[in-house]
Amino acid sequence: MGDDISAMLYEAQLPPSPWGESLATKIHIWNRLPTSSHKGMTLYEAWFKRKPNVSHLRLWGCLAYVFIQKDKRRSLQPHMEKCVFMGHPSGYKGWKFYNPTTQKYLISERAEFNERIFPGLAKYKATSPADLTSWFTVSGPCADFCAHA
């Protein structure tokens, strides 16, 4: 599982710090994929007794222009802010983003995605997936789960 996450971070040109966001996204997608243990059903379908809607899925780490609500901006300020897509927040309708300028996370239902551009963080550039691997040494109760995933 660590190799998959380090590959996600490397492809998105992101440092190891958002590894939790990449793990949550991987699990979110994984639960919406058919599995042989449930005869082609998804885990989501087995739990909720309905097929999952996958129209909201986007490429993790891609560039997104997030709409700024009227009450959060002044009249001459831009209506969109440039962010990095960070995943699908639990319990919310919408997506989670990171704004590198303000260094804050935000959740929004309105965004335009450019899934061809992965802006990463300007200060960080990994040279290979191996640069990230050392961050994923898992121990404790999660180690058994991660070893089987």
N, C-alpha and C. Protein backbone atom coordinates (compact mmCIF):
# COMPACT_ATOMS: atom_id res chain seq x y z
N MET A 1 0.83 -1.19 0.00
CA MET A 1 0.00 0.00 0.00
C MET A 1 0.87 1.25 0.00
N GLY A 2 1.99 1.23 0.73
CA GLY A 2 2.88 2.38 0.78
C GLY A 2 3.43 2.75 -0.58
N ASP A 3 3.72 1.73 -1.41
CA ASP A 3 4.24 2.01 -2.75
C ASP A 3 3.21 2.75 -3.59
N ASP A 4 1.93 2.36 -3.47
CA ASP A 4 0.88 3.04 -4.22
C ASP A 4 0.78 4.50 -3.81
N ILE A 5 0.87 4.75 -2.53
CA ILE A 5 0.74 6.11 -2.03
C ILE A 5 1.95 6.95 -2.40
N SER A 6 3.14 6.37 -2.31
CA SER A 6 4.32 7.13 -2.72
C SER A 6 4.26 7.43 -4.22
N ALA A 7 3.70 6.53 -5.01
CA ALA A 7 3.54 6.78 -6.44
C ALA A 7 2.54 7.92 -6.68
N MET A 8 1.45 7.95 -5.91
CA MET A 8 0.47 9.04 -6.04
C MET A 8 1.13 10.37 -5.73
N LEU A 9 1.90 10.42 -4.65
CA LEU A 9 2.57 11.66 -4.26
C LEU A 9 3.60 12.09 -5.30
N TYR A 10 4.35 11.12 -5.81
CA TYR A 10 5.35 11.42 -6.82
C TYR A 10 4.71 11.96 -8.10
N GLU A 11 3.68 11.29 -8.59
CA GLU A 11 3.01 11.72 -9.82
C GLU A 11 2.38 13.10 -9.66
N ALA A 12 1.88 13.40 -8.47
CA ALA A 12 1.27 14.71 -8.21
C ALA A 12 2.32 15.76 -7.86
N GLN A 13 3.60 15.36 -7.80
CA GLN A 13 4.70 16.25 -7.47
C GLN A 13 4.51 16.90 -6.10
N LEU A 14 4.05 16.10 -5.15
CA LEU A 14 3.80 16.58 -3.80
C LEU A 14 4.79 15.96 -2.82
N PRO A 15 5.08 16.66 -1.73
CA PRO A 15 5.96 16.10 -0.70
C PRO A 15 5.24 15.03 0.09
N PRO A 16 5.92 14.34 0.98
CA PRO A 16 5.29 13.28 1.76
C PRO A 16 4.22 13.75 2.75
N SER A 17 4.19 15.03 3.09
CA SER A 17 3.28 15.50 4.14
C SER A 17 1.80 15.20 3.91
N PRO A 18 1.25 15.23 2.68
CA PRO A 18 -0.17 14.89 2.55
C PRO A 18 -0.43 13.40 2.33
N TRP A 19 0.42 12.52 2.88
CA TRP A 19 0.24 11.08 2.65
C TRP A 19 -1.11 10.60 3.20
N GLY A 20 -1.59 11.19 4.29
CA GLY A 20 -2.90 10.80 4.84
C GLY A 20 -4.03 11.10 3.88
N GLU A 21 -3.94 12.22 3.18
CA GLU A 21 -4.95 12.58 2.18
C GLU A 21 -4.92 11.58 1.02
N SER A 22 -3.71 11.19 0.60
CA SER A 22 -3.63 10.22 -0.50
C SER A 22 -4.15 8.85 -0.08
N LEU A 23 -3.88 8.45 1.16
CA LEU A 23 -4.39 7.18 1.67
C LEU A 23 -5.92 7.20 1.73
N ALA A 24 -6.50 8.28 2.23
CA ALA A 24 -7.96 8.39 2.31
C ALA A 24 -8.58 8.34 0.92
N THR A 25 -7.93 8.97 -0.06
CA THR A 25 -8.44 8.94 -1.44
C THR A 25 -8.36 7.54 -2.01
N LYS A 26 -7.24 6.86 -1.77
CA LYS A 26 -7.09 5.49 -2.26
C LYS A 26 -8.18 4.58 -1.70
N ILE A 27 -8.45 4.69 -0.41
CA ILE A 27 -9.49 3.86 0.21
C ILE A 27 -10.88 4.23 -0.33
N HIS A 28 -11.13 5.52 -0.52
CA HIS A 28 -12.41 5.98 -1.08
C HIS A 28 -12.65 5.34 -2.45
N ILE A 29 -11.64 5.34 -3.29
CA ILE A 29 -11.76 4.76 -4.63
C ILE A 29 -11.83 3.24 -4.56
N TRP A 30 -10.99 2.65 -3.72
CA TRP A 30 -10.94 1.20 -3.56
C TRP A 30 -12.32 0.64 -3.19
N ASN A 31 -13.04 1.32 -2.32
CA ASN A 31 -14.37 0.87 -1.91
C ASN A 31 -15.40 0.95 -3.03
N ARG A 32 -15.06 1.61 -4.11
CA ARG A 32 -15.98 1.75 -5.23
C ARG A 32 -15.57 0.91 -6.44
N LEU A 33 -14.61 0.02 -6.25
CA LEU A 33 -14.17 -0.90 -7.30
C LEU A 33 -14.74 -2.30 -7.06
N PRO A 34 -15.12 -3.00 -8.14
CA PRO A 34 -15.62 -4.37 -7.97
C PRO A 34 -14.55 -5.27 -7.37
N THR A 35 -15.00 -6.24 -6.56
CA THR A 35 -14.08 -7.17 -5.92
C THR A 35 -14.57 -8.60 -6.09
N SER A 36 -13.65 -9.52 -6.27
CA SER A 36 -14.03 -10.92 -6.47
C SER A 36 -14.62 -11.52 -5.19
N SER A 37 -14.24 -11.00 -4.03
CA SER A 37 -14.76 -11.55 -2.77
C SER A 37 -16.26 -11.28 -2.60
N HIS A 38 -16.80 -10.32 -3.35
CA HIS A 38 -18.23 -10.04 -3.30
C HIS A 38 -18.88 -10.26 -4.66
N LYS A 39 -18.32 -11.19 -5.42
CA LYS A 39 -18.86 -11.60 -6.72
C LYS A 39 -19.08 -10.42 -7.66
N GLY A 40 -18.07 -9.57 -7.78
CA GLY A 40 -18.13 -8.45 -8.72
C GLY A 40 -18.79 -7.20 -8.17
N MET A 41 -19.34 -7.28 -6.96
CA MET A 41 -19.92 -6.09 -6.34
C MET A 41 -18.81 -5.24 -5.74
N THR A 42 -19.09 -3.97 -5.52
CA THR A 42 -18.15 -3.12 -4.81
C THR A 42 -18.41 -3.26 -3.31
N LEU A 43 -17.42 -2.89 -2.50
CA LEU A 43 -17.63 -2.90 -1.06
C LEU A 43 -18.70 -1.89 -0.67
N TYR A 44 -18.73 -0.76 -1.37
CA TYR A 44 -19.76 0.26 -1.13
C TYR A 44 -21.16 -0.33 -1.36
N GLU A 45 -21.30 -1.07 -2.46
CA GLU A 45 -22.58 -1.68 -2.82
C GLU A 45 -22.98 -2.75 -1.80
N ALA A 46 -22.03 -3.50 -1.32
CA ALA A 46 -22.33 -4.53 -0.31
C ALA A 46 -22.81 -3.90 0.99
N TRP A 47 -22.26 -2.76 1.35
CA TRP A 47 -22.60 -2.10 2.61
C TRP A 47 -23.91 -1.31 2.50
N PHE A 48 -24.05 -0.50 1.43
CA PHE A 48 -25.20 0.41 1.31
C PHE A 48 -26.34 -0.14 0.45
N LYS A 49 -26.16 -1.31 -0.15
CA LYS A 49 -27.18 -1.97 -0.97
C LYS A 49 -27.59 -1.15 -2.19
N ARG A 50 -26.66 -0.36 -2.71
CA ARG A 50 -26.89 0.38 -3.96
C ARG A 50 -25.54 0.64 -4.63
N LYS A 51 -25.57 0.79 -5.94
CA LYS A 51 -24.33 1.04 -6.68
C LYS A 51 -23.80 2.43 -6.34
N PRO A 52 -22.48 2.57 -6.24
CA PRO A 52 -21.92 3.88 -5.93
C PRO A 52 -21.95 4.82 -7.14
N ASN A 53 -22.11 6.09 -6.87
CA ASN A 53 -21.99 7.12 -7.90
C ASN A 53 -20.51 7.48 -7.98
N VAL A 54 -19.92 7.35 -9.14
CA VAL A 54 -18.50 7.64 -9.29
C VAL A 54 -18.25 8.89 -10.13
N SER A 55 -19.29 9.65 -10.43
CA SER A 55 -19.13 10.84 -11.27
C SER A 55 -18.30 11.93 -10.59
N HIS A 56 -18.15 11.87 -9.29
CA HIS A 56 -17.40 12.89 -8.55
C HIS A 56 -15.90 12.60 -8.50
N LEU A 57 -15.47 11.45 -8.96
CA LEU A 57 -14.05 11.09 -8.86
C LEU A 57 -13.21 11.93 -9.81
N ARG A 58 -12.08 12.39 -9.30
CA ARG A 58 -11.13 13.20 -10.06
C ARG A 58 -9.72 12.67 -9.79
N LEU A 59 -8.76 13.10 -10.61
CA LEU A 59 -7.37 12.68 -10.43
C LEU A 59 -6.75 13.42 -9.25
N TRP A 60 -6.28 12.66 -8.28
CA TRP A 60 -5.74 13.21 -7.06
C TRP A 60 -4.49 14.04 -7.34
N GLY A 61 -4.43 15.22 -6.77
CA GLY A 61 -3.27 16.09 -6.92
C GLY A 61 -3.34 17.03 -8.11
N CYS A 62 -4.43 16.98 -8.88
CA CYS A 62 -4.52 17.83 -10.06
C CYS A 62 -4.85 19.28 -9.69
N LEU A 63 -4.68 20.16 -10.66
CA LEU A 63 -4.99 21.57 -10.49
C LEU A 63 -6.51 21.77 -10.47
N ALA A 64 -6.96 22.63 -9.58
CA ALA A 64 -8.39 22.94 -9.50
C ALA A 64 -8.57 24.43 -9.23
N TYR A 65 -9.55 25.00 -9.88
CA TYR A 65 -9.94 26.38 -9.61
C TYR A 65 -11.22 26.31 -8.80
N VAL A 66 -11.13 26.72 -7.55
CA VAL A 66 -12.24 26.59 -6.61
C VAL A 66 -12.99 27.90 -6.53
N PHE A 67 -14.32 27.83 -6.63
CA PHE A 67 -15.17 29.01 -6.56
C PHE A 67 -15.15 29.57 -5.14
N ILE A 68 -15.00 30.89 -5.03
CA ILE A 68 -15.03 31.58 -3.74
C ILE A 68 -16.43 32.18 -3.56
N GLN A 69 -17.10 31.84 -2.49
CA GLN A 69 -18.45 32.34 -2.23
C GLN A 69 -18.45 33.85 -2.11
N LYS A 70 -19.59 34.46 -2.46
CA LYS A 70 -19.70 35.92 -2.41
C LYS A 70 -19.37 36.49 -1.04
N ASP A 71 -19.83 35.83 0.00
CA ASP A 71 -19.60 36.37 1.35
C ASP A 71 -18.15 36.21 1.82
N LYS A 72 -17.33 35.49 1.05
CA LYS A 72 -15.93 35.27 1.42
C LYS A 72 -14.96 36.13 0.60
N ARG A 73 -15.50 36.99 -0.29
CA ARG A 73 -14.64 37.83 -1.13
C ARG A 73 -15.23 39.23 -1.27
N ARG A 74 -14.36 40.14 -1.68
CA ARG A 74 -14.79 41.51 -1.96
C ARG A 74 -15.17 41.62 -3.42
N SER A 75 -15.83 42.68 -3.79
CA SER A 75 -16.39 42.80 -5.14
C SER A 75 -15.34 42.72 -6.25
N LEU A 76 -14.15 43.23 -6.05
CA LEU A 76 -13.15 43.22 -7.11
C LEU A 76 -12.15 42.07 -7.00
N GLN A 77 -12.32 41.22 -6.04
CA GLN A 77 -11.44 40.06 -5.89
C GLN A 77 -11.83 38.98 -6.89
N PRO A 78 -10.89 38.09 -7.20
CA PRO A 78 -11.22 36.99 -8.12
C PRO A 78 -12.33 36.09 -7.55
N HIS A 79 -13.05 35.45 -8.44
CA HIS A 79 -14.13 34.54 -8.03
C HIS A 79 -13.65 33.10 -7.85
N MET A 80 -12.42 32.84 -8.27
CA MET A 80 -11.86 31.49 -8.17
C MET A 80 -10.47 31.59 -7.54
N GLU A 81 -10.07 30.49 -6.86
CA GLU A 81 -8.71 30.43 -6.34
C GLU A 81 -8.05 29.13 -6.81
N LYS A 82 -6.77 29.24 -7.12
CA LYS A 82 -6.00 28.11 -7.65
C LYS A 82 -5.59 27.20 -6.50
N CYS A 83 -5.98 25.92 -6.58
CA CYS A 83 -5.72 24.96 -5.51
C CYS A 83 -5.25 23.63 -6.09
N VAL A 84 -4.91 22.73 -5.18
CA VAL A 84 -4.55 21.35 -5.53
C VAL A 84 -5.65 20.45 -4.97
N PHE A 85 -6.17 19.54 -5.80
CA PHE A 85 -7.22 18.61 -5.37
C PHE A 85 -6.64 17.59 -4.40
N MET A 86 -7.27 17.47 -3.21
CA MET A 86 -6.75 16.59 -2.15
C MET A 86 -7.67 15.43 -1.80
N GLY A 87 -8.85 15.34 -2.39
CA GLY A 87 -9.65 14.16 -2.10
C GLY A 87 -11.11 14.43 -1.84
N HIS A 88 -11.73 13.43 -1.23
CA HIS A 88 -13.17 13.40 -0.99
C HIS A 88 -13.41 13.40 0.51
N PRO A 89 -13.80 14.54 1.08
CA PRO A 89 -13.97 14.59 2.55
C PRO A 89 -15.15 13.74 3.01
N SER A 90 -14.96 13.02 4.08
CA SER A 90 -16.02 12.17 4.63
C SER A 90 -17.11 13.04 5.25
N GLY A 91 -18.35 12.74 4.91
CA GLY A 91 -19.48 13.45 5.49
C GLY A 91 -19.84 14.75 4.80
N TYR A 92 -19.18 15.08 3.69
CA TYR A 92 -19.46 16.31 2.96
C TYR A 92 -19.72 16.01 1.50
N LYS A 93 -20.60 16.80 0.91
CA LYS A 93 -20.79 16.72 -0.53
C LYS A 93 -19.84 17.73 -1.14
N GLY A 94 -18.90 17.29 -1.89
CA GLY A 94 -17.91 18.17 -2.47
C GLY A 94 -16.54 17.55 -2.44
N TRP A 95 -15.53 18.38 -2.62
CA TRP A 95 -14.16 17.93 -2.67
C TRP A 95 -13.31 18.70 -1.67
N LYS A 96 -12.14 18.15 -1.36
CA LYS A 96 -11.20 18.82 -0.46
C LYS A 96 -10.03 19.33 -1.29
N PHE A 97 -9.61 20.55 -0.99
CA PHE A 97 -8.53 21.19 -1.74
C PHE A 97 -7.50 21.78 -0.79
N TYR A 98 -6.30 21.99 -1.33
CA TYR A 98 -5.25 22.68 -0.58
C TYR A 98 -4.84 23.90 -1.40
N ASN A 99 -4.84 25.06 -0.74
CA ASN A 99 -4.40 26.28 -1.39
C ASN A 99 -2.96 26.54 -0.96
N PRO A 100 -1.99 26.39 -1.88
CA PRO A 100 -0.59 26.58 -1.52
C PRO A 100 -0.25 28.02 -1.13
N THR A 101 -1.01 28.98 -1.62
CA THR A 101 -0.75 30.38 -1.30
C THR A 101 -1.10 30.68 0.15
N THR A 102 -2.30 30.27 0.57
CA THR A 102 -2.74 30.53 1.95
C THR A 102 -2.31 29.41 2.90
N GLN A 103 -1.86 28.28 2.34
CA GLN A 103 -1.46 27.09 3.09
C GLN A 103 -2.61 26.57 3.95
N LYS A 104 -3.83 26.60 3.39
CA LYS A 104 -5.01 26.12 4.11
C LYS A 104 -5.79 25.14 3.25
N TYR A 105 -6.48 24.22 3.95
CA TYR A 105 -7.38 23.28 3.28
C TYR A 105 -8.77 23.90 3.24
N LEU A 106 -9.53 23.54 2.19
CA LEU A 106 -10.92 23.99 2.10
C LEU A 106 -11.75 22.92 1.43
N ILE A 107 -13.05 22.96 1.68
CA ILE A 107 -14.00 22.03 1.08
C ILE A 107 -14.97 22.85 0.26
N SER A 108 -15.24 22.39 -0.95
CA SER A 108 -16.16 23.11 -1.84
C SER A 108 -16.89 22.14 -2.75
N GLU A 109 -18.10 22.53 -3.13
CA GLU A 109 -18.88 21.76 -4.10
C GLU A 109 -18.67 22.27 -5.52
N ARG A 110 -18.09 23.46 -5.63
CA ARG A 110 -17.95 24.10 -6.94
C ARG A 110 -16.48 24.31 -7.27
N ALA A 111 -16.05 23.64 -8.33
CA ALA A 111 -14.66 23.76 -8.77
C ALA A 111 -14.56 23.33 -10.23
N GLU A 112 -13.56 23.88 -10.88
CA GLU A 112 -13.20 23.47 -12.24
C GLU A 112 -11.86 22.74 -12.14
N PHE A 113 -11.80 21.53 -12.67
CA PHE A 113 -10.60 20.70 -12.58
C PHE A 113 -9.84 20.69 -13.89
N ASN A 114 -8.52 20.76 -13.82
CA ASN A 114 -7.67 20.54 -14.97
C ASN A 114 -6.84 19.30 -14.64
N GLU A 115 -7.31 18.15 -15.09
CA GLU A 115 -6.69 16.87 -14.74
C GLU A 115 -5.45 16.56 -15.57
N ARG A 116 -4.99 17.52 -16.37
CA ARG A 116 -3.76 17.35 -17.13
C ARG A 116 -2.58 18.04 -16.44
N ILE A 117 -2.89 18.90 -15.46
CA ILE A 117 -1.84 19.66 -14.79
C ILE A 117 -1.78 19.26 -13.32
N PHE A 118 -0.56 18.94 -12.87
CA PHE A 118 -0.31 18.59 -11.48
C PHE A 118 0.72 19.59 -10.95
N PRO A 119 0.22 20.68 -10.35
CA PRO A 119 1.12 21.76 -9.98
C PRO A 119 2.08 21.42 -8.85
N GLY A 120 1.73 20.44 -8.01
CA GLY A 120 2.59 20.10 -6.89
C GLY A 120 2.77 21.31 -5.99
N LEU A 121 3.84 21.31 -5.28
CA LEU A 121 4.21 22.47 -4.47
C LEU A 121 5.55 22.94 -5.00
N ALA A 122 5.63 24.20 -5.38
CA ALA A 122 6.79 24.75 -6.07
C ALA A 122 8.11 24.46 -5.35
N LYS A 123 8.11 24.43 -4.03
CA LYS A 123 9.34 24.25 -3.28
C LYS A 123 9.80 22.80 -3.22
N TYR A 124 8.93 21.84 -3.63
CA TYR A 124 9.27 20.43 -3.49
C TYR A 124 9.21 19.73 -4.83
N LYS A 125 10.26 19.05 -5.19
CA LYS A 125 10.25 18.20 -6.39
C LYS A 125 10.98 16.91 -6.04
N ALA A 126 10.26 15.81 -6.02
CA ALA A 126 10.89 14.51 -5.80
C ALA A 126 11.61 14.11 -7.09
N THR A 127 12.73 13.45 -6.96
CA THR A 127 13.45 12.99 -8.15
C THR A 127 13.07 11.57 -8.53
N SER A 128 12.50 10.83 -7.56
CA SER A 128 12.05 9.48 -7.83
C SER A 128 11.07 9.05 -6.74
N PRO A 129 10.24 8.01 -7.02
CA PRO A 129 9.34 7.51 -5.97
C PRO A 129 10.10 7.03 -4.73
N ALA A 130 11.34 6.62 -4.89
CA ALA A 130 12.13 6.15 -3.75
C ALA A 130 12.36 7.26 -2.73
N ASP A 131 12.33 8.53 -3.17
CA ASP A 131 12.48 9.66 -2.25
C ASP A 131 11.37 9.67 -1.20
N LEU A 132 10.24 9.08 -1.52
CA LEU A 132 9.09 9.11 -0.63
C LEU A 132 8.94 7.84 0.19
N THR A 133 9.57 6.75 -0.23
CA THR A 133 9.35 5.44 0.38
C THR A 133 9.65 5.40 1.87
N SER A 134 10.68 6.09 2.31
CA SER A 134 11.06 6.03 3.72
C SER A 134 9.99 6.62 4.63
N TRP A 135 9.07 7.38 4.09
CA TRP A 135 8.00 7.98 4.90
C TRP A 135 6.92 6.97 5.23
N PHE A 136 6.93 5.81 4.60
CA PHE A 136 5.82 4.88 4.74
C PHE A 136 6.18 3.61 5.48
N THR A 137 7.03 3.69 6.46
CA THR A 137 7.31 2.56 7.31
C THR A 137 6.21 2.51 8.35
N VAL A 138 5.40 1.46 8.31
CA VAL A 138 4.22 1.37 9.18
C VAL A 138 4.49 0.39 10.30
N SER A 139 4.13 0.79 11.51
CA SER A 139 4.24 -0.12 12.65
C SER A 139 3.00 0.03 13.50
N GLY A 140 2.84 -0.84 14.46
CA GLY A 140 1.68 -0.76 15.34
C GLY A 140 0.48 -1.49 14.77
N PRO A 141 -0.75 -1.17 15.26
CA PRO A 141 -1.94 -1.91 14.85
C PRO A 141 -2.26 -1.80 13.37
N CYS A 142 -1.82 -0.71 12.73
CA CYS A 142 -2.12 -0.54 11.31
C CYS A 142 -1.23 -1.43 10.44
N ALA A 143 -0.11 -1.88 10.95
CA ALA A 143 0.85 -2.64 10.15
C ALA A 143 0.23 -3.88 9.52
N ASP A 144 -0.59 -4.62 10.27
CA ASP A 144 -1.22 -5.83 9.72
C ASP A 144 -2.17 -5.48 8.57
N PHE A 145 -2.96 -4.44 8.76
CA PHE A 145 -3.90 -4.03 7.70
C PHE A 145 -3.13 -3.61 6.46
N CYS A 146 -2.12 -2.76 6.63
CA CYS A 146 -1.36 -2.24 5.50
C CYS A 146 -0.59 -3.34 4.78
N ALA A 147 -0.14 -4.34 5.51
CA ALA A 147 0.60 -5.44 4.91
C ALA A 147 -0.27 -6.28 3.99
N HIS A 148 -1.59 -6.35 4.30
CA HIS A 148 -2.50 -7.17 3.50
C HIS A 148 -3.17 -6.38 2.40
N ALA A 149 -3.06 -5.07 2.43
CA ALA A 149 -3.77 -4.24 1.43
C ALA A 149 -3.05 -4.24 0.11
